[in-house]
C-alpha atoms as a PDB file:
ATOM      1  CA  MET A   1      58.463  53.080 102.750  1.00  0.00           C
ATOM      2  CA  ASN A   2      56.466  55.804 104.479  1.00  0.00           C
ATOM      3  CA  ARG A   3      53.788  57.965 102.861  1.00  0.00           C
ATOM      4  CA  ARG A   4      55.998  61.060 102.627  1.00  0.00           C
ATOM      5  CA  ARG A   5      58.654  59.172 100.666  1.00  0.00           C
ATOM      6  CA  ILE A   6      56.039  57.640  98.387  1.00  0.00           C
ATOM      7  CA  SER A   7      54.434  61.053  97.833  1.00  0.00           C
ATOM      8  CA  ALA A   8      57.810  62.662  97.109  1.00  0.00           C
ATOM      9  CA  ALA A   9      58.705  59.865  94.687  1.00  0.00           C
ATOM     10  CA  VAL A  10      55.359  60.172  92.883  1.00  0.00           C
ATOM     11  CA  LEU A  11      55.707  63.962  92.696  1.00  0.00           C
ATOM     12  CA  LEU A  12      59.281  63.750  91.359  1.00  0.00           C
ATOM     13  CA  GLY A  13      58.263  61.052  88.881  1.00  0.00           C
ATOM     14  CA  SER A  14      55.351  63.156  87.648  1.00  0.00           C
ATOM     15  CA  ALA A  15      57.641  66.142  87.167  1.00  0.00           C
ATOM     16  CA  VAL A  16      60.102  64.031  85.171  1.00  0.00           C
ATOM     17  CA  ILE A  17      57.312  62.670  82.950  1.00  0.00           C
ATOM     18  CA  ALA A  18      56.001  66.191  82.346  1.00  0.00           C
ATOM     19  CA  LEU A  19      59.495  67.424  81.496  1.00  0.00           C
ATOM     20  CA  ALA A  20      60.132  64.472  79.187  1.00  0.00           C
ATOM     21  CA  SER A  21      56.922  65.199  77.332  1.00  0.00           C
ATOM     22  CA  ALA A  22      57.744  68.879  76.970  1.00  0.00           C
ATOM     23  CA  THR A  23      61.505  68.823  76.415  1.00  0.00           C
ATOM     24  CA  GLY A  24      62.610  65.332  75.461  1.00  0.00           C
ATOM     25  CA  PRO A  25      64.206  62.534  77.521  1.00  0.00           C
ATOM     26  CA  ALA A  26      67.784  63.905  77.644  1.00  0.00           C
ATOM     27  CA  THR A  27      66.650  67.158  79.273  1.00  0.00           C
ATOM     28  CA  ALA A  28      64.424  65.236  81.665  1.00  0.00           C
ATOM     29  CA  VAL A  29      67.337  63.064  82.840  1.00  0.00           C
ATOM     30  CA  ALA A  30      69.535  66.114  83.419  1.00  0.00           C
ATOM     31  CA  THR A  31      66.735  67.946  85.219  1.00  0.00           C
ATOM     32  CA  ALA A  32      65.894  64.973  87.431  1.00  0.00           C
ATOM     33  CA  THR A  33      69.555  64.680  88.374  1.00  0.00           C
ATOM     34  CA  THR A  34      69.712  68.372  89.241  1.00  0.00           C
ATOM     35  CA  VAL A  35      66.527  68.144  91.315  1.00  0.00           C
ATOM     36  CA  ALA A  36      67.838  65.125  93.223  1.00  0.00           C
ATOM     37  CA  ALA A  37      71.279  66.668  93.774  1.00  0.00           C
ATOM     38  CA  SER A  38      69.786  69.918  95.038  1.00  0.00           C
ATOM     39  CA  GLY A  39      68.312  68.183  98.055  1.00  0.00           C
ATOM     40  CA  SER A  40      64.702  68.573  96.946  1.00  0.00           C
ATOM     41  CA  GLY A  41      64.247  64.896  96.196  1.00  0.00           C
ATOM     42  CA  SER A  42      63.921  61.941  98.524  1.00  0.00           C
ATOM     43  CA  GLY A  43      66.951  61.024 100.637  1.00  0.00           C
ATOM     44  CA  GLY A  44      66.878  57.548  99.108  1.00  0.00           C
ATOM     45  CA  LYS A  45      67.523  58.816  95.570  1.00  0.00           C
ATOM     46  CA  PRO A  46      70.942  58.527  93.949  1.00  0.00           C
ATOM     47  CA  CYS A  47      72.995  61.700  93.482  1.00  0.00           C
ATOM     48  CA  TYR A  48      71.285  63.342  96.452  1.00  0.00           C
ATOM     49  CA  HIS A  49      73.365  65.230  99.021  1.00  0.00           C
ATOM     50  CA  PRO A  50      72.201  64.629 102.589  1.00  0.00           C
ATOM     51  CA  ASP A  51      71.831  67.786 104.689  1.00  0.00           C
ATOM     52  CA  GLY A  52      75.222  69.308 105.429  1.00  0.00           C
ATOM     53  CA  TYR A  53      77.106  67.524 102.635  1.00  0.00           C
ATOM     54  CA  ASP A  54      78.131  69.406  99.509  1.00  0.00           C
ATOM     55  CA  HIS A  55      80.283  67.146  97.348  1.00  0.00           C
ATOM     56  CA  PHE A  56      80.928  63.608  96.119  1.00  0.00           C
ATOM     57  CA  LEU A  57      84.318  61.913  96.079  1.00  0.00           C
ATOM     58  CA  GLU A  58      85.823  58.620  95.034  1.00  0.00           C
ATOM     59  CA  LEU A  59      88.325  57.544  97.690  1.00  0.00           C
ATOM     60  CA  ASP A  60      91.582  56.561  95.993  1.00  0.00           C
ATOM     61  CA  SER A  61      93.622  55.929  99.154  1.00  0.00           C
ATOM     62  CA  ALA A  62      94.231  57.074 102.696  1.00  0.00           C
ATOM     63  CA  GLU A  63      97.531  57.469 104.519  1.00  0.00           C
ATOM     64  CA  VAL A  64      98.994  58.761 107.737  1.00  0.00           C
ATOM     65  CA  ASP A  65     100.547  62.207 107.301  1.00  0.00           C
ATOM     66  CA  GLN A  66     102.445  63.437 110.401  1.00  0.00           C
ATOM     67  CA  GLY A  67      99.948  61.733 112.687  1.00  0.00           C
ATOM     68  CA  ASP A  68      96.856  62.878 110.790  1.00  0.00           C
ATOM     69  CA  THR A  69      94.833  61.020 108.172  1.00  0.00           C
ATOM     70  CA  ARG A  70      95.147  62.264 104.602  1.00  0.00           C
ATOM     71  CA  VAL A  71      92.750  61.077 101.919  1.00  0.00           C
ATOM     72  CA  ASN A  72      93.658  61.066  98.249  1.00  0.00           C
ATOM     73  CA  PHE A  73      90.531  61.289  96.150  1.00  0.00           C
ATOM     74  CA  THR A  74      88.893  62.138  92.894  1.00  0.00           C
ATOM     75  CA  GLU A  75      86.088  64.657  93.244  1.00  0.00           C
ATOM     76  CA  VAL A  76      83.219  63.411  91.081  1.00  0.00           C
ATOM     77  CA  SER A  77      79.845  64.530  89.789  1.00  0.00           C
ATOM     78  CA  CYS A  78      76.927  62.150  89.872  1.00  0.00           C
ATOM     79  CA  THR A  79      74.188  61.391  87.342  1.00  0.00           C
ATOM     80  CA  TYR A  80      71.630  58.621  87.111  1.00  0.00           C
ATOM     81  CA  ASP A  81      68.841  57.370  84.910  1.00  0.00           C
ATOM     82  CA  PRO A  82      65.475  58.052  86.624  1.00  0.00           C
ATOM     83  CA  ALA A  83      64.043  54.988  84.843  1.00  0.00           C
ATOM     84  CA  ASP A  84      66.724  52.800  86.481  1.00  0.00           C
ATOM     85  CA  GLU A  85      68.003  54.386  89.694  1.00  0.00           C
ATOM     86  CA  GLN A  86      70.665  51.697  90.046  1.00  0.00           C
ATOM     87  CA  ASN A  87      72.263  53.033  86.855  1.00  0.00           C
ATOM     88  CA  VAL A  88      74.463  55.640  88.594  1.00  0.00           C
ATOM     89  CA  LYS A  89      77.426  57.201  86.823  1.00  0.00           C
ATOM     90  CA  TYR A  90      80.233  59.142  88.497  1.00  0.00           C
ATOM     91  CA  THR A  91      82.332  61.461  86.351  1.00  0.00           C
ATOM     92  CA  ALA A  92      85.767  62.676  87.499  1.00  0.00           C
ATOM     93  CA  ILE A  93      86.065  66.422  88.086  1.00  0.00           C
ATOM     94  CA  ARG A  94      89.504  66.744  89.668  1.00  0.00           C
ATOM     95  CA  LYS A  95      92.079  64.861  91.709  1.00  0.00           C
ATOM     96  CA  GLY A  96      92.641  66.077  95.244  1.00  0.00           C
ATOM     97  CA  SER A  97      94.155  65.389  98.613  1.00  0.00           C
ATOM     98  CA  ALA A  98      93.016  66.649 102.003  1.00  0.00           C
ATOM     99  CA  LEU A  99      93.594  66.077 105.675  1.00  0.00           C
ATOM    100  CA  VAL A 100      90.665  64.731 107.637  1.00  0.00           C
ATOM    101  CA  HIS A 101      89.817  66.846 110.683  1.00  0.00           C
ATOM    102  CA  ALA A 102      90.660  65.004 113.925  1.00  0.00           C
ATOM    103  CA  GLY A 103      87.015  65.068 115.068  1.00  0.00           C
ATOM    104  CA  ALA A 104      85.514  64.328 111.649  1.00  0.00           C
ATOM    105  CA  GLU A 105      82.444  62.172 111.308  1.00  0.00           C
ATOM    106  CA  VAL A 106      83.383  59.222 109.091  1.00  0.00           C
ATOM    107  CA  GLU A 107      80.747  56.606 108.264  1.00  0.00           C
ATOM    108  CA  VAL A 108      81.194  53.459 106.215  1.00  0.00           C
ATOM    109  CA  VAL A 109      78.548  50.930 105.233  1.00  0.00           C
ATOM    110  CA  GLY A 110      78.702  47.198 104.869  1.00  0.00           C
ATOM    111  CA  ASP A 111      77.109  44.962 102.275  1.00  0.00           C
ATOM    112  CA  THR A 112      73.692  45.550 103.848  1.00  0.00           C
ATOM    113  CA  GLY A 113      73.872  49.338 103.805  1.00  0.00           C
ATOM    114  CA  ASN A 114      73.982  49.716 107.577  1.00  0.00           C
ATOM    115  CA  PRO A 115      76.226  52.688 108.412  1.00  0.00           C
ATOM    116  CA  ARG A 116      78.768  52.622 111.203  1.00  0.00           C
ATOM    117  CA  ALA A 117      81.049  55.330 112.525  1.00  0.00           C
ATOM    118  CA  VAL A 118      84.787  54.738 112.281  1.00  0.00           C
ATOM    119  CA  PRO A 119      87.796  56.890 113.092  1.00  0.00           C
ATOM    120  CA  ALA A 120      89.336  58.490 109.997  1.00  0.00           C
ATOM    121  CA  GLY A 121      92.475  56.362 110.480  1.00  0.00           C
ATOM    122  CA  TRP A 122      90.362  53.243 109.807  1.00  0.00           C
ATOM    123  CA  LEU A 123      90.447  54.177 106.110  1.00  0.00           C
ATOM    124  CA  VAL A 124      94.238  53.697 106.031  1.00  0.00           C
ATOM    125  CA  ASP A 125      94.291  49.968 106.856  1.00  0.00           C
ATOM    126  CA  HIS A 126      90.861  48.669 105.857  1.00  0.00           C
ATOM    127  CA  LYS A 127      89.174  47.827 102.578  1.00  0.00           C
ATOM    128  CA  LEU A 128      85.721  49.277 102.024  1.00  0.00           C
ATOM    129  CA  PRO A 129      83.212  46.421 101.699  1.00  0.00           C
ATOM    130  CA  ASN A 130      80.771  48.437  99.576  1.00  0.00           C
ATOM    131  CA  SER A 131      82.007  51.232  97.277  1.00  0.00           C
ATOM    132  CA  PRO A 132      84.727  53.886  97.196  1.00  0.00           C
ATOM    133  CA  TYR A 133      82.190  56.736  96.838  1.00  0.00           C
ATOM    134  CA  PHE A 134      81.433  59.213  99.627  1.00  0.00           C
ATOM    135  CA  TYR A 135      79.454  62.349 100.322  1.00  0.00           C
ATOM    136  CA  TYR A 136      81.759  64.829 102.038  1.00  0.00           C
ATOM    137  CA  ARG A 137      82.021  68.311 103.415  1.00  0.00           C
ATOM    138  CA  ALA A 138      85.077  70.442 104.078  1.00  0.00           C
ATOM    139  CA  ASP A 139      85.718  73.557 106.136  1.00  0.00           C
ATOM    140  CA  ALA A 140      87.111  76.884 104.896  1.00  0.00           C
ATOM    141  CA  GLN A 141      90.680  75.600 105.354  1.00  0.00           C
ATOM    142  CA  GLY A 142      89.994  72.562 103.145  1.00  0.00           C
ATOM    143  CA  LEU A 143      89.986  70.037 105.998  1.00  0.00           C
ATOM    144  CA  ILE A 144      87.407  67.296 105.540  1.00  0.00           C
ATOM    145  CA  THR A 145      84.981  67.494 108.449  1.00  0.00           C
ATOM    146  CA  ALA A 146      82.643  64.638 107.470  1.00  0.00           C
ATOM    147  CA  MET A 147      82.548  61.693 105.079  1.00  0.00           C
ATOM    148  CA  ARG A 148      79.683  59.251 104.563  1.00  0.00           C
ATOM    149  CA  GLU A 149      80.078  56.267 102.255  1.00  0.00           C
ATOM    150  CA  ILE A 150      77.397  56.018  99.589  1.00  0.00           C
ATOM    151  CA  TYR A 151      75.626  52.682  99.640  1.00  0.00           C
ATOM    152  CA  HIS A 152      75.118  51.037  96.247  1.00  0.00           C
ATOM    153  CA  PRO A 153      73.126  47.787  96.396  1.00  0.00           C
END
């Protein structure tokens, strides 16, 4: 872990401790989640959107729709316990379905967390080895332009 990540983690941890002291643990958990989701936290934190990604989804299925790939998903929100970052909870917001843009960036990760690019059609016939959760972004027409599987060790 490099010094910037360590410094960011220490700074975020200090802020959470200060908030917990002033407002109680429930507010501190919610605030830490909001800080991480806003992109201000370290990229290694749960519930953090990488640059250019705006939402989380749980992939329910993928299918071919008139030659294009359509994903059926549940849009989810993400929370975690700062004391145990592996304790991540996804809460359903809404069910949805969207076509994946032909040139979309789609990344999946294996058991080790190493990402690899795949064509969107790969999702139709393959089982995800890690988790069904993704960061994603969509364009103004609702087409998904990028999906990146979230690695959960």
